[in-house]
C-alpha atoms as a PDB file:
ATOM      1  CA  MET A   1      12.390   4.909  26.152  1.00  0.00           C
ATOM      2  CA  ARG A   2      10.620   3.465  23.148  1.00  0.00           C
ATOM      3  CA  PRO A   3      12.658   0.674  21.460  1.00  0.00           C
ATOM      4  CA  LEU A   4      12.063  -0.182  17.832  1.00  0.00           C
ATOM      5  CA  VAL A   5      10.297  -3.481  17.633  1.00  0.00           C
ATOM      6  CA  PHE A   6      10.889  -5.756  14.629  1.00  0.00           C
ATOM      7  CA  SER A   7      10.782  -9.401  13.939  1.00  0.00           C
ATOM      8  CA  LEU A   8      13.167 -11.628  12.095  1.00  0.00           C
ATOM      9  CA  ALA A   9      12.511 -14.740  10.021  1.00  0.00           C
ATOM     10  CA  PHE A  10      14.375 -17.301   8.025  1.00  0.00           C
ATOM     11  CA  THR A  11      12.594 -18.954   5.129  1.00  0.00           C
ATOM     12  CA  SER A  12      13.580 -21.220   2.310  1.00  0.00           C
ATOM     13  CA  LEU A  13      13.922 -20.046  -1.250  1.00  0.00           C
ATOM     14  CA  ALA A  14      12.455 -23.346  -2.472  1.00  0.00           C
ATOM     15  CA  GLY A  15       8.951 -22.137  -1.680  1.00  0.00           C
ATOM     16  CA  LEU A  16       9.186 -19.050  -3.851  1.00  0.00           C
ATOM     17  CA  ALA A  17       7.278 -19.234  -7.096  1.00  0.00           C
ATOM     18  CA  LEU A  18       8.630 -16.904  -9.730  1.00  0.00           C
ATOM     19  CA  ALA A  19       5.342 -16.877 -11.690  1.00  0.00           C
ATOM     20  CA  GLN A  20       4.764 -13.177 -10.841  1.00  0.00           C
ATOM     21  CA  GLY A  21       7.788 -12.156 -12.920  1.00  0.00           C
ATOM     22  CA  PRO A  22      11.577 -12.389 -12.686  1.00  0.00           C
ATOM     23  CA  ASN A  23      11.880  -9.654 -10.003  1.00  0.00           C
ATOM     24  CA  GLN A  24       8.741 -10.210  -7.973  1.00  0.00           C
ATOM     25  CA  ALA A  25       7.580 -13.277  -6.044  1.00  0.00           C
ATOM     26  CA  ASP A  26       5.508 -13.623  -2.906  1.00  0.00           C
ATOM     27  CA  GLY A  27       4.738  -9.908  -3.271  1.00  0.00           C
ATOM     28  CA  ILE A  28       8.491  -9.155  -2.809  1.00  0.00           C
ATOM     29  CA  SER A  29       9.985  -6.705  -5.251  1.00  0.00           C
ATOM     30  CA  TRP A  30      13.599  -7.927  -5.773  1.00  0.00           C
ATOM     31  CA  GLY A  31      16.683  -6.063  -6.925  1.00  0.00           C
ATOM     32  CA  ARG A  32      19.524  -7.730  -8.804  1.00  0.00           C
ATOM     33  CA  THR A  33      21.814 -10.312  -7.229  1.00  0.00           C
ATOM     34  CA  VAL A  34      25.306  -9.111  -6.287  1.00  0.00           C
ATOM     35  CA  SER A  35      27.924 -11.637  -5.107  1.00  0.00           C
ATOM     36  CA  GLY A  36      25.194 -14.160  -4.417  1.00  0.00           C
ATOM     37  CA  MET A  37      23.007 -11.871  -2.246  1.00  0.00           C
ATOM     38  CA  ARG A  38      19.913  -9.875  -3.155  1.00  0.00           C
ATOM     39  CA  VAL A  39      17.414  -7.772  -1.243  1.00  0.00           C
ATOM     40  CA  GLY A  40      13.708  -7.355  -1.809  1.00  0.00           C
ATOM     41  CA  VAL A  41      11.003  -5.266  -0.247  1.00  0.00           C
ATOM     42  CA  ALA A  42       7.253  -5.843   0.297  1.00  0.00           C
ATOM     43  CA  LEU A  43       4.384  -4.563   2.374  1.00  0.00           C
ATOM     44  CA  GLY A  44       2.893  -6.942   4.895  1.00  0.00           C
ATOM     45  CA  GLN A  45       0.517  -7.166   7.854  1.00  0.00           C
ATOM     46  CA  GLY A  46       2.000  -8.002  11.281  1.00  0.00           C
ATOM     47  CA  SER A  47       0.420  -8.365  14.707  1.00  0.00           C
ATOM     48  CA  GLY A  48       1.104  -4.656  15.371  1.00  0.00           C
ATOM     49  CA  GLY A  49      -0.187  -3.368  12.054  1.00  0.00           C
ATOM     50  CA  ARG A  50       1.242  -2.779   8.602  1.00  0.00           C
ATOM     51  CA  GLU A  51       4.946  -3.596   8.147  1.00  0.00           C
ATOM     52  CA  LEU A  52       7.681  -2.983   5.626  1.00  0.00           C
ATOM     53  CA  ARG A  53       9.221  -6.395   4.873  1.00  0.00           C
ATOM     54  CA  VAL A  54      12.922  -6.237   4.001  1.00  0.00           C
ATOM     55  CA  VAL A  55      14.059  -9.652   2.716  1.00  0.00           C
ATOM     56  CA  PHE A  56      17.641 -10.771   2.016  1.00  0.00           C
ATOM     57  CA  ALA A  57      18.048 -13.915  -0.107  1.00  0.00           C
ATOM     58  CA  ASN A  58      21.319 -15.812  -0.268  1.00  0.00           C
ATOM     59  CA  MET A  59      21.604 -17.161  -3.837  1.00  0.00           C
ATOM     60  CA  ALA A  60      25.322 -18.181  -3.400  1.00  0.00           C
ATOM     61  CA  PRO A  61      26.424 -21.801  -3.089  1.00  0.00           C
ATOM     62  CA  MET A  62      27.744 -21.089   0.463  1.00  0.00           C
ATOM     63  CA  GLN A  63      26.363 -19.406   3.576  1.00  0.00           C
ATOM     64  CA  GLN A  64      26.945 -15.638   3.890  1.00  0.00           C
ATOM     65  CA  SER A  65      26.668 -13.328   6.913  1.00  0.00           C
ATOM     66  CA  LEU A  66      25.033  -9.874   6.944  1.00  0.00           C
ATOM     67  CA  VAL A  67      25.694  -7.023   9.368  1.00  0.00           C
ATOM     68  CA  ILE A  68      22.245  -6.087  10.682  1.00  0.00           C
ATOM     69  CA  ALA A  69      23.255  -3.605  13.372  1.00  0.00           C
ATOM     70  CA  VAL A  70      26.568  -2.217  14.532  1.00  0.00           C
ATOM     71  CA  GLN A  71      27.627   0.257  17.215  1.00  0.00           C
ATOM     72  CA  ALA A  72      30.701   1.567  15.362  1.00  0.00           C
ATOM     73  CA  PRO A  73      29.801   4.853  13.643  1.00  0.00           C
ATOM     74  CA  SER A  74      32.964   4.776  11.445  1.00  0.00           C
ATOM     75  CA  PHE A  75      32.095   1.432   9.913  1.00  0.00           C
ATOM     76  CA  GLY A  76      30.440   3.061   6.919  1.00  0.00           C
ATOM     77  CA  TYR A  77      27.854   0.387   6.325  1.00  0.00           C
ATOM     78  CA  SER A  78      24.440   1.631   5.422  1.00  0.00           C
ATOM     79  CA  PHE A  79      20.883   0.378   5.313  1.00  0.00           C
ATOM     80  CA  GLY A  80      18.607   2.982   3.794  1.00  0.00           C
ATOM     81  CA  ILE A  81      14.923   3.239   3.052  1.00  0.00           C
ATOM     82  CA  ARG A  82      13.794   5.776   0.450  1.00  0.00           C
ATOM     83  CA  ALA A  83      10.375   6.867  -0.799  1.00  0.00           C
ATOM     84  CA  GLN A  84      10.070   8.295  -4.277  1.00  0.00           C
ATOM     85  CA  GLY A  85       7.409   9.460  -6.705  1.00  0.00           C
ATOM     86  CA  GLY A  86       4.220  10.713  -5.179  1.00  0.00           C
ATOM     87  CA  PRO A  87       2.797  14.188  -5.717  1.00  0.00           C
ATOM     88  CA  ASP A  88       6.163  16.005  -5.563  1.00  0.00           C
ATOM     89  CA  GLY A  89       8.029  13.446  -7.729  1.00  0.00           C
ATOM     90  CA  LYS A  90      11.056  13.644  -5.340  1.00  0.00           C
ATOM     91  CA  GLU A  91      13.012  11.064  -3.393  1.00  0.00           C
ATOM     92  CA  HIS A  92      12.879  11.220   0.369  1.00  0.00           C
ATOM     93  CA  GLU A  93      15.008   9.423   3.016  1.00  0.00           C
ATOM     94  CA  ILE A  94      12.900   7.523   5.512  1.00  0.00           C
ATOM     95  CA  SER A  95      13.831   7.607   9.211  1.00  0.00           C
ATOM     96  CA  ASN A  96      12.374   5.944  12.285  1.00  0.00           C
ATOM     97  CA  TRP A  97      11.485   6.830  15.825  1.00  0.00           C
ATOM     98  CA  ILE A  98      13.994   5.312  18.321  1.00  0.00           C
ATOM     99  CA  ASP A  99      13.990   5.911  22.059  1.00  0.00           C
ATOM    100  CA  GLY A 100      11.767   8.922  21.674  1.00  0.00           C
ATOM    101  CA  GLY A 101      14.105  10.713  19.312  1.00  0.00           C
ATOM    102  CA  LEU A 102      14.864  11.029  15.631  1.00  0.00           C
ATOM    103  CA  GLY A 103      17.158   8.282  14.305  1.00  0.00           C
ATOM    104  CA  ARG A 104      18.272   6.778  11.019  1.00  0.00           C
ATOM    105  CA  ILE A 105      17.168   3.236  10.246  1.00  0.00           C
ATOM    106  CA  VAL A 106      20.500   1.752  11.220  1.00  0.00           C
ATOM    107  CA  PRO A 107      21.365   0.681  13.777  1.00  0.00           C
ATOM    108  CA  ILE A 108      17.909  -0.831  14.008  1.00  0.00           C
ATOM    109  CA  GLY A 109      17.503  -0.118  17.717  1.00  0.00           C
ATOM    110  CA  LEU A 110      19.647  -3.051  18.797  1.00  0.00           C
ATOM    111  CA  GLN A 111      21.936  -2.295  21.671  1.00  0.00           C
ATOM    112  CA  THR A 112      24.781  -4.554  20.475  1.00  0.00           C
ATOM    113  CA  ASP A 113      26.375  -5.543  17.171  1.00  0.00           C
ATOM    114  CA  TYR A 114      24.389  -8.177  15.349  1.00  0.00           C
ATOM    115  CA  VAL A 115      25.458 -10.275  12.363  1.00  0.00           C
ATOM    116  CA  ALA A 116      22.992 -12.688  10.803  1.00  0.00           C
ATOM    117  CA  THR A 117      24.213 -15.827   9.093  1.00  0.00           C
ATOM    118  CA  VAL A 118      22.065 -16.741   6.033  1.00  0.00           C
ATOM    119  CA  PRO A 119      22.541 -20.328   4.771  1.00  0.00           C
ATOM    120  CA  THR A 120      22.645 -20.935   1.072  1.00  0.00           C
ATOM    121  CA  GLY A 121      19.167 -20.984  -0.509  1.00  0.00           C
ATOM    122  CA  ARG A 122      17.605 -19.267   2.487  1.00  0.00           C
ATOM    123  CA  MET A 123      16.140 -15.811   3.228  1.00  0.00           C
ATOM    124  CA  TYR A 124      16.516 -13.507   6.203  1.00  0.00           C
ATOM    125  CA  GLU A 125      13.678 -11.062   6.825  1.00  0.00           C
ATOM    126  CA  LEU A 126      13.260  -7.866   8.843  1.00  0.00           C
ATOM    127  CA  ASN A 127       9.748  -6.689   9.572  1.00  0.00           C
ATOM    128  CA  LEU A 128       9.692  -2.958  10.283  1.00  0.00           C
ATOM    129  CA  PRO A 129       6.420  -1.402  11.623  1.00  0.00           C
ATOM    130  CA  LEU A 130       5.202   1.308   9.226  1.00  0.00           C
ATOM    131  CA  LYS A 131       3.972   3.387  12.163  1.00  0.00           C
ATOM    132  CA  LEU A 132       7.614   3.926  13.215  1.00  0.00           C
ATOM    133  CA  LEU A 133       8.826   4.941   9.737  1.00  0.00           C
ATOM    134  CA  PHE A 134       8.551   8.566   8.572  1.00  0.00           C
ATOM    135  CA  GLN A 135      10.056  11.355   6.500  1.00  0.00           C
ATOM    136  CA  THR A 136      11.018  14.536   8.347  1.00  0.00           C
ATOM    137  CA  ALA A 137       9.552  17.637   6.685  1.00  0.00           C
ATOM    138  CA  ARG A 138       9.533  21.329   7.548  1.00  0.00           C
ATOM    139  CA  GLY A 139       5.869  21.318   8.478  1.00  0.00           C
ATOM    140  CA  GLY A 140       6.184  18.138  10.543  1.00  0.00           C
ATOM    141  CA  ASP A 141       6.864  14.484  10.125  1.00  0.00           C
ATOM    142  CA  ILE A 142       5.082  12.490   7.430  1.00  0.00           C
ATOM    143  CA  GLY A 143       4.489   8.819   8.119  1.00  0.00           C
ATOM    144  CA  LEU A 144       5.532   6.323   5.474  1.00  0.00           C
ATOM    145  CA  GLU A 145       2.050   4.780   5.464  1.00  0.00           C
ATOM    146  CA  SER A 146       0.563   8.179   4.587  1.00  0.00           C
ATOM    147  CA  MET A 147       3.187   8.637   1.874  1.00  0.00           C
ATOM    148  CA  LEU A 148       2.291   5.285   0.388  1.00  0.00           C
ATOM    149  CA  ARG A 149      -1.397   6.359   0.251  1.00  0.00           C
ATOM    150  CA  GLN A 150      -0.251   9.443  -1.693  1.00  0.00           C
ATOM    151  CA  GLY A 151       1.305   7.261  -4.362  1.00  0.00           C
ATOM    152  CA  TYR A 152       4.924   7.074  -3.195  1.00  0.00           C
ATOM    153  CA  THR A 153       6.875   3.874  -3.714  1.00  0.00           C
ATOM    154  CA  VAL A 154       9.565   2.498  -1.396  1.00  0.00           C
ATOM    155  CA  ARG A 155      12.921   0.846  -2.022  1.00  0.00           C
ATOM    156  CA  VAL A 156      15.751  -0.328   0.201  1.00  0.00           C
ATOM    157  CA  SER A 157      19.529  -0.106  -0.220  1.00  0.00           C
ATOM    158  CA  TYR A 158      22.170  -2.026   1.690  1.00  0.00           C
ATOM    159  CA  HIS A 159      25.917  -1.424   1.530  1.00  0.00           C
ATOM    160  CA  ILE A 160      28.829  -3.001   3.337  1.00  0.00           C
ATOM    161  CA  PRO A 161      32.125  -1.513   2.170  1.00  0.00           C
ATOM    162  CA  LEU A 162      35.476  -3.235   2.372  1.00  0.00           C
ATOM    163  CA  SER A 163      37.001  -1.343   5.279  1.00  0.00           C
ATOM    164  CA  HIS A 164      39.075  -1.786   8.388  1.00  0.00           C
ATOM    165  CA  PHE A 165      35.954  -2.490  10.400  1.00  0.00           C
ATOM    166  CA  SER A 166      34.517  -5.015   7.921  1.00  0.00           C
ATOM    167  CA  ARG A 167      37.886  -6.841   8.092  1.00  0.00           C
ATOM    168  CA  VAL A 168      37.568  -6.965  11.927  1.00  0.00           C
ATOM    169  CA  ILE A 169      34.073  -8.471  11.549  1.00  0.00           C
ATOM    170  CA  GLN A 170      35.451 -10.913   8.924  1.00  0.00           C
ATOM    171  CA  GLU A 171      37.850 -12.274  11.578  1.00  0.00           C
ATOM    172  CA  ARG A 172      34.776 -13.559  13.485  1.00  0.00           C
ATOM    173  CA  HIS A 173      32.588 -14.085  10.371  1.00  0.00           C
ATOM    174  CA  PRO A 174      34.779 -15.092   7.448  1.00  0.00           C
ATOM    175  CA  ASP A 175      31.696 -15.458   5.283  1.00  0.00           C
ATOM    176  CA  LEU A 176      30.756 -11.761   5.661  1.00  0.00           C
ATOM    177  CA  TRP A 177      29.053 -10.487   2.467  1.00  0.00           C
ATOM    178  CA  ILE A 178      30.662  -7.289   1.092  1.00  0.00           C
ATOM    179  CA  GLY A 179      28.996  -5.174  -1.543  1.00  0.00           C
ATOM    180  CA  GLU A 180      25.998  -2.908  -2.422  1.00  0.00           C
ATOM    181  CA  ILE A 181      22.548  -4.058  -3.327  1.00  0.00           C
ATOM    182  CA  ASP A 182      19.193  -2.309  -3.904  1.00  0.00           C
ATOM    183  CA  SER A 183      15.702  -3.758  -3.789  1.00  0.00           C
ATOM    184  CA  GLY A 184      12.967  -3.210  -6.369  1.00  0.00           C
ATOM    185  CA  GLU A 185      10.164  -0.753  -5.550  1.00  0.00           C
ATOM    186  CA  VAL A 186       6.881  -1.417  -3.803  1.00  0.00           C
ATOM    187  CA  GLY A 187       3.851   0.775  -3.305  1.00  0.00           C
ATOM    188  CA  LEU A 188       0.139   0.549  -2.722  1.00  0.00           C
ATOM    189  CA  PRO A 189      -2.078  -0.127  -5.723  1.00  0.00           C
ATOM    190  CA  PRO A 190      -4.500   2.747  -6.511  1.00  0.00           C
ATOM    191  CA  GLU A 191      -7.505   0.820  -5.146  1.00  0.00           C
ATOM    192  CA  ARG A 192      -5.871   0.461  -1.715  1.00  0.00           C
ATOM    193  CA  ARG A 193      -4.740   4.087  -1.218  1.00  0.00           C
END
């Protein structure tokens, strides 16, 4: 059994300098804000090697909660990682290796439901090891790190629909964020490929 290891972090938005452009700060490529929440993506270095940083920022004037992992398959929430561009110019869904078998990114290897509360003006970060992220191909799996070296870029999408299950979660977390957001894109600069 090989559980997916990731780390979580809360940081303050006050420390972000937007000098790098309106949609990129601290190396994070942000998508647009929807209902006070936005998601960004960046590449980072963790203790176990390179990581894909997925950062949620609460821009709303009140705290909001995010579903990070859930055991109900009918919930319909999705957290997807996609690689696009590269030599073939196509978009590819990225998967991960969970418990020695092929799995989608969500649930993120957690054994129970997990909802993260993000205070106003704060960020919530997932650090996903690149060595566990890959695209399944006919000739064999292709690691995301290898795809990045070939010129692919990566983006993240996150969607929580208004559904029966989200209403059940809202009973325990009335501040549950509902909507659909996408990050910007991130890739390796040519000199680092």
